[in-house]
Amino acid sequence: MRPLGLGRAVVEAVIVEDDVIVVRARPRAGERARCGLCGRRSPGYDGGDGRRRWRALDVGACRAFVEAEAPRVDCRRHGVVVARVPWARHGSRFTREFEQQVCWLATQCSKSAVC
């Protein structure tokens, strides 16, 4: 799942819904329960708001999303925050690869081509 940026994650399922592909994933055991801001191991706080989706790069003509549980942890430095996931930055609704592709397009293409 390299194009989606799930290098250090476990893929649990791939679901095709009409023209949308949803990849259900979870961080590996060593990557779980870490602060979303600093990456330190932190004790769990609660289950958060359930499952979240991050927009990923398209797969052919289909839109793609990465879906995972989003528990919260209690970091000593930052307080209660959403746990880190290896495929996205804290607070983002897009995968790292999606953001990088958009940034590259913004610098190399016209405004209408990026839209």
N, C-alpha and C. Protein backbone atom coordinates (compact mmCIF):
# COMPACT_ATOMS: atom_id res chain seq x y z
N MET A 1 0.83 -1.20 0.00
CA MET A 1 0.00 0.00 0.00
C MET A 1 0.87 1.26 0.00
N ARG A 2 1.97 1.18 -0.71
CA ARG A 2 2.91 2.29 -0.78
C ARG A 2 2.27 3.58 -1.30
N PRO A 3 1.46 3.57 -2.36
CA PRO A 3 0.88 4.83 -2.85
C PRO A 3 0.00 5.53 -1.81
N LEU A 4 -0.56 4.78 -0.89
CA LEU A 4 -1.39 5.39 0.14
C LEU A 4 -0.58 5.85 1.33
N GLY A 5 0.68 5.47 1.40
CA GLY A 5 1.53 5.89 2.50
C GLY A 5 1.34 5.08 3.76
N LEU A 6 0.96 3.83 3.63
CA LEU A 6 0.71 2.99 4.79
C LEU A 6 1.89 2.07 5.09
N GLY A 7 3.09 2.56 4.90
CA GLY A 7 4.28 1.74 5.06
C GLY A 7 4.39 1.06 6.42
N ARG A 8 4.13 1.78 7.50
CA ARG A 8 4.23 1.21 8.83
C ARG A 8 2.85 1.05 9.47
N ALA A 9 1.97 0.44 8.74
CA ALA A 9 0.61 0.21 9.24
C ALA A 9 0.14 -1.17 8.82
N VAL A 10 -0.87 -1.64 9.50
CA VAL A 10 -1.46 -2.95 9.20
C VAL A 10 -2.79 -2.70 8.49
N VAL A 11 -2.93 -3.25 7.30
CA VAL A 11 -4.18 -3.12 6.55
C VAL A 11 -5.12 -4.22 7.01
N GLU A 12 -6.27 -3.83 7.51
CA GLU A 12 -7.26 -4.78 8.02
C GLU A 12 -8.26 -5.20 6.94
N ALA A 13 -8.63 -4.26 6.08
CA ALA A 13 -9.62 -4.56 5.03
C ALA A 13 -9.55 -3.50 3.95
N VAL A 14 -10.00 -3.88 2.76
CA VAL A 14 -10.16 -2.95 1.65
C VAL A 14 -11.60 -3.07 1.18
N ILE A 15 -12.31 -1.96 1.19
CA ILE A 15 -13.73 -1.96 0.85
C ILE A 15 -13.93 -1.07 -0.37
N VAL A 16 -14.67 -1.58 -1.34
CA VAL A 16 -14.98 -0.80 -2.54
C VAL A 16 -16.46 -0.43 -2.46
N GLU A 17 -16.73 0.88 -2.42
CA GLU A 17 -18.10 1.39 -2.36
C GLU A 17 -18.32 2.27 -3.59
N ASP A 18 -19.03 1.77 -4.59
CA ASP A 18 -19.26 2.50 -5.84
C ASP A 18 -17.94 2.93 -6.45
N ASP A 19 -17.64 4.22 -6.44
CA ASP A 19 -16.40 4.71 -7.01
C ASP A 19 -15.42 5.17 -5.93
N VAL A 20 -15.53 4.62 -4.72
CA VAL A 20 -14.68 4.98 -3.59
C VAL A 20 -14.03 3.72 -3.03
N ILE A 21 -12.74 3.81 -2.75
CA ILE A 21 -12.02 2.71 -2.11
C ILE A 21 -11.67 3.15 -0.69
N VAL A 22 -12.05 2.34 0.28
CA VAL A 22 -11.77 2.62 1.69
C VAL A 22 -10.83 1.53 2.21
N VAL A 23 -9.67 1.95 2.69
CA VAL A 23 -8.69 1.02 3.25
C VAL A 23 -8.74 1.17 4.76
N ARG A 24 -9.18 0.12 5.44
CA ARG A 24 -9.20 0.15 6.91
C ARG A 24 -7.84 -0.30 7.41
N ALA A 25 -7.24 0.53 8.24
CA ALA A 25 -5.88 0.27 8.70
C ALA A 25 -5.76 0.58 10.18
N ARG A 26 -4.62 0.18 10.74
CA ARG A 26 -4.28 0.52 12.12
C ARG A 26 -2.76 0.60 12.22
N PRO A 27 -2.26 1.42 13.12
CA PRO A 27 -0.82 1.48 13.32
C PRO A 27 -0.31 0.16 13.90
N ARG A 28 0.93 -0.18 13.62
CA ARG A 28 1.54 -1.37 14.23
C ARG A 28 1.60 -1.19 15.73
N ALA A 29 1.83 -2.28 16.44
CA ALA A 29 1.82 -2.25 17.90
C ALA A 29 2.80 -1.23 18.47
N GLY A 30 3.98 -1.13 17.90
CA GLY A 30 4.97 -0.19 18.41
C GLY A 30 4.65 1.27 18.14
N GLU A 31 3.73 1.52 17.23
CA GLU A 31 3.36 2.88 16.86
C GLU A 31 2.09 3.37 17.55
N ARG A 32 1.40 2.48 18.24
CA ARG A 32 0.14 2.86 18.89
C ARG A 32 0.40 3.61 20.20
N ALA A 33 -0.59 4.30 20.67
CA ALA A 33 -0.58 5.01 21.95
C ALA A 33 0.56 6.01 22.03
N ARG A 34 0.72 6.82 20.99
CA ARG A 34 1.73 7.88 20.98
C ARG A 34 1.03 9.22 20.78
N CYS A 35 1.59 10.24 21.39
CA CYS A 35 1.05 11.59 21.27
C CYS A 35 1.07 12.02 19.80
N GLY A 36 -0.01 12.62 19.34
CA GLY A 36 -0.09 13.07 17.96
C GLY A 36 0.82 14.24 17.65
N LEU A 37 1.28 14.96 18.66
CA LEU A 37 2.12 16.12 18.44
C LEU A 37 3.61 15.82 18.59
N CYS A 38 3.99 15.15 19.69
CA CYS A 38 5.42 14.93 19.94
C CYS A 38 5.86 13.49 19.69
N GLY A 39 4.93 12.54 19.59
CA GLY A 39 5.27 11.15 19.30
C GLY A 39 5.68 10.33 20.51
N ARG A 40 5.61 10.89 21.71
CA ARG A 40 5.96 10.12 22.92
C ARG A 40 4.89 9.11 23.25
N ARG A 41 5.33 7.98 23.81
CA ARG A 41 4.36 7.01 24.31
C ARG A 41 3.56 7.65 25.43
N SER A 42 2.25 7.45 25.40
CA SER A 42 1.37 8.06 26.39
C SER A 42 0.28 7.08 26.77
N PRO A 43 -0.22 7.17 28.00
CA PRO A 43 -1.32 6.28 28.38
C PRO A 43 -2.60 6.64 27.64
N GLY A 44 -3.41 5.64 27.38
CA GLY A 44 -4.68 5.88 26.70
C GLY A 44 -5.61 6.71 27.54
N TYR A 45 -6.45 7.50 26.89
CA TYR A 45 -7.42 8.32 27.60
C TYR A 45 -8.84 7.81 27.34
N ASP A 46 -9.23 7.72 26.07
CA ASP A 46 -10.52 7.15 25.71
C ASP A 46 -10.51 6.75 24.24
N GLY A 47 -11.64 6.30 23.75
CA GLY A 47 -11.74 5.84 22.37
C GLY A 47 -11.88 6.95 21.35
N GLY A 48 -11.96 8.19 21.78
CA GLY A 48 -12.13 9.30 20.84
C GLY A 48 -13.52 9.31 20.25
N ASP A 49 -13.64 9.82 19.05
CA ASP A 49 -14.95 9.92 18.38
C ASP A 49 -15.21 8.77 17.42
N GLY A 50 -14.51 7.66 17.59
CA GLY A 50 -14.73 6.53 16.70
C GLY A 50 -13.77 6.53 15.54
N ARG A 51 -14.24 6.05 14.39
CA ARG A 51 -13.39 5.92 13.20
C ARG A 51 -13.31 7.26 12.46
N ARG A 52 -12.12 7.52 11.89
CA ARG A 52 -11.91 8.71 11.07
C ARG A 52 -11.43 8.29 9.70
N ARG A 53 -11.62 9.20 8.73
CA ARG A 53 -11.15 8.96 7.37
C ARG A 53 -10.20 10.06 6.95
N TRP A 54 -9.14 9.64 6.27
CA TRP A 54 -8.17 10.56 5.69
C TRP A 54 -8.20 10.37 4.18
N ARG A 55 -8.26 11.46 3.44
CA ARG A 55 -8.27 11.41 1.98
C ARG A 55 -6.89 10.99 1.50
N ALA A 56 -6.85 10.03 0.61
CA ALA A 56 -5.59 9.51 0.07
C ALA A 56 -5.56 9.77 -1.44
N LEU A 57 -4.43 9.48 -2.05
CA LEU A 57 -4.30 9.63 -3.49
C LEU A 57 -5.28 8.71 -4.21
N ASP A 58 -5.80 9.16 -5.33
CA ASP A 58 -6.74 8.36 -6.11
C ASP A 58 -6.08 7.08 -6.60
N VAL A 59 -6.90 6.05 -6.70
CA VAL A 59 -6.46 4.77 -7.26
C VAL A 59 -7.19 4.62 -8.58
N GLY A 60 -6.49 4.91 -9.66
CA GLY A 60 -7.14 4.92 -10.97
C GLY A 60 -8.16 6.04 -11.02
N ALA A 61 -9.40 5.70 -11.33
CA ALA A 61 -10.47 6.69 -11.40
C ALA A 61 -11.29 6.74 -10.11
N CYS A 62 -10.85 6.02 -9.08
CA CYS A 62 -11.59 5.95 -7.82
C CYS A 62 -10.92 6.81 -6.74
N ARG A 63 -11.74 7.51 -5.99
CA ARG A 63 -11.22 8.24 -4.84
C ARG A 63 -10.86 7.22 -3.77
N ALA A 64 -9.85 7.53 -2.96
CA ALA A 64 -9.41 6.59 -1.93
C ALA A 64 -9.36 7.29 -0.57
N PHE A 65 -9.67 6.52 0.46
CA PHE A 65 -9.62 7.00 1.84
C PHE A 65 -8.96 5.95 2.70
N VAL A 66 -8.29 6.41 3.75
CA VAL A 66 -7.76 5.52 4.79
C VAL A 66 -8.63 5.73 6.00
N GLU A 67 -9.14 4.65 6.57
CA GLU A 67 -10.04 4.73 7.71
C GLU A 67 -9.43 3.98 8.88
N ALA A 68 -9.51 4.57 10.08
CA ALA A 68 -8.94 3.93 11.26
C ALA A 68 -9.60 4.48 12.52
N GLU A 69 -9.45 3.72 13.59
CA GLU A 69 -9.88 4.20 14.90
C GLU A 69 -9.00 5.38 15.28
N ALA A 70 -9.55 6.32 16.03
CA ALA A 70 -8.79 7.50 16.44
C ALA A 70 -8.92 7.70 17.95
N PRO A 71 -8.26 6.83 18.73
CA PRO A 71 -8.33 7.00 20.19
C PRO A 71 -7.55 8.23 20.64
N ARG A 72 -7.81 8.66 21.86
CA ARG A 72 -7.06 9.79 22.41
C ARG A 72 -6.12 9.28 23.50
N VAL A 73 -5.01 9.98 23.65
CA VAL A 73 -4.01 9.65 24.68
C VAL A 73 -3.81 10.88 25.56
N ASP A 74 -3.26 10.64 26.74
CA ASP A 74 -3.02 11.72 27.70
C ASP A 74 -1.51 11.96 27.78
N CYS A 75 -1.02 12.88 26.97
CA CYS A 75 0.41 13.20 26.92
C CYS A 75 0.76 14.11 28.09
N ARG A 76 1.93 13.86 28.70
CA ARG A 76 2.36 14.70 29.82
C ARG A 76 2.61 16.13 29.37
N ARG A 77 3.09 16.32 28.17
CA ARG A 77 3.42 17.65 27.69
C ARG A 77 2.22 18.37 27.06
N HIS A 78 1.40 17.66 26.27
CA HIS A 78 0.34 18.30 25.50
C HIS A 78 -1.08 18.05 26.01
N GLY A 79 -1.23 17.22 27.02
CA GLY A 79 -2.56 16.92 27.54
C GLY A 79 -3.26 15.86 26.70
N VAL A 80 -4.56 15.93 26.63
CA VAL A 80 -5.35 14.94 25.90
C VAL A 80 -5.38 15.31 24.42
N VAL A 81 -4.82 14.43 23.58
CA VAL A 81 -4.78 14.65 22.14
C VAL A 81 -5.08 13.34 21.42
N VAL A 82 -5.41 13.43 20.15
CA VAL A 82 -5.65 12.25 19.33
C VAL A 82 -4.30 11.54 19.11
N ALA A 83 -4.31 10.22 19.19
CA ALA A 83 -3.10 9.43 19.00
C ALA A 83 -2.56 9.59 17.59
N ARG A 84 -1.25 9.46 17.45
CA ARG A 84 -0.57 9.61 16.17
C ARG A 84 -0.86 8.43 15.25
N VAL A 85 -0.99 8.72 13.98
CA VAL A 85 -1.08 7.68 12.95
C VAL A 85 0.09 7.92 11.99
N PRO A 86 0.70 6.85 11.47
CA PRO A 86 1.90 7.02 10.65
C PRO A 86 1.64 7.59 9.26
N TRP A 87 0.40 7.63 8.81
CA TRP A 87 0.13 8.07 7.44
C TRP A 87 -0.34 9.51 7.33
N ALA A 88 -0.54 10.21 8.46
CA ALA A 88 -1.04 11.58 8.38
C ALA A 88 -0.45 12.45 9.49
N ARG A 89 -0.38 13.73 9.24
CA ARG A 89 0.07 14.68 10.25
C ARG A 89 -1.07 14.95 11.23
N HIS A 90 -0.72 15.39 12.42
CA HIS A 90 -1.71 15.68 13.45
C HIS A 90 -2.63 16.82 12.98
N GLY A 91 -3.91 16.60 13.09
CA GLY A 91 -4.89 17.62 12.72
C GLY A 91 -5.25 17.66 11.25
N SER A 92 -4.63 16.83 10.43
CA SER A 92 -4.91 16.83 9.01
C SER A 92 -5.98 15.81 8.66
N ARG A 93 -6.72 16.08 7.61
CA ARG A 93 -7.72 15.13 7.12
C ARG A 93 -7.25 14.46 5.84
N PHE A 94 -5.95 14.63 5.52
CA PHE A 94 -5.36 14.08 4.31
C PHE A 94 -4.12 13.27 4.67
N THR A 95 -3.79 12.26 3.87
CA THR A 95 -2.57 11.51 4.11
C THR A 95 -1.37 12.37 3.70
N ARG A 96 -0.19 11.99 4.20
CA ARG A 96 1.03 12.74 3.87
C ARG A 96 1.28 12.75 2.36
N GLU A 97 1.08 11.61 1.70
CA GLU A 97 1.31 11.54 0.26
C GLU A 97 0.36 12.43 -0.51
N PHE A 98 -0.88 12.52 -0.08
CA PHE A 98 -1.84 13.40 -0.73
C PHE A 98 -1.40 14.85 -0.60
N GLU A 99 -0.99 15.25 0.61
CA GLU A 99 -0.54 16.62 0.83
C GLU A 99 0.71 16.94 0.00
N GLN A 100 1.64 15.99 -0.06
CA GLN A 100 2.86 16.22 -0.84
C GLN A 100 2.55 16.36 -2.33
N GLN A 101 1.63 15.56 -2.83
CA GLN A 101 1.25 15.65 -4.24
C GLN A 101 0.61 17.00 -4.54
N VAL A 102 -0.27 17.46 -3.66
CA VAL A 102 -0.93 18.75 -3.87
C VAL A 102 0.10 19.88 -3.82
N CYS A 103 1.05 19.81 -2.88
CA CYS A 103 2.09 20.84 -2.80
C CYS A 103 2.94 20.87 -4.07
N TRP A 104 3.31 19.72 -4.57
CA TRP A 104 4.10 19.66 -5.79
C TRP A 104 3.31 20.24 -6.96
N LEU A 105 2.04 19.85 -7.08
CA LEU A 105 1.21 20.37 -8.16
C LEU A 105 1.06 21.89 -8.07
N ALA A 106 0.93 22.41 -6.85
CA ALA A 106 0.77 23.86 -6.67
C ALA A 106 1.99 24.63 -7.13
N THR A 107 3.17 24.02 -7.03
CA THR A 107 4.39 24.71 -7.44
C THR A 107 4.73 24.50 -8.90
N GLN A 108 4.21 23.44 -9.52
CA GLN A 108 4.61 23.08 -10.88
C GLN A 108 3.54 23.30 -11.94
N CYS A 109 2.28 23.44 -11.52
CA CYS A 109 1.19 23.51 -12.51
C CYS A 109 0.41 24.81 -12.35
N SER A 110 -0.45 25.05 -13.32
CA SER A 110 -1.31 26.23 -13.23
C SER A 110 -2.41 26.00 -12.20
N LYS A 111 -3.04 27.07 -11.78
CA LYS A 111 -4.09 26.99 -10.78
C LYS A 111 -5.25 26.12 -11.25
N SER A 112 -5.65 26.25 -12.49
CA SER A 112 -6.77 25.47 -13.01
C SER A 112 -6.44 23.99 -13.08
N ALA A 113 -5.17 23.63 -13.36
CA ALA A 113 -4.78 22.22 -13.41
C ALA A 113 -4.80 21.59 -12.03
N VAL A 114 -4.43 22.35 -11.01
CA VAL A 114 -4.42 21.82 -9.64
C VAL A 114 -5.83 21.58 -9.15
N CYS A 115 -6.76 22.47 -9.50
CA CYS A 115 -8.15 22.31 -9.07
C CYS A 115 -8.75 21.07 -9.70
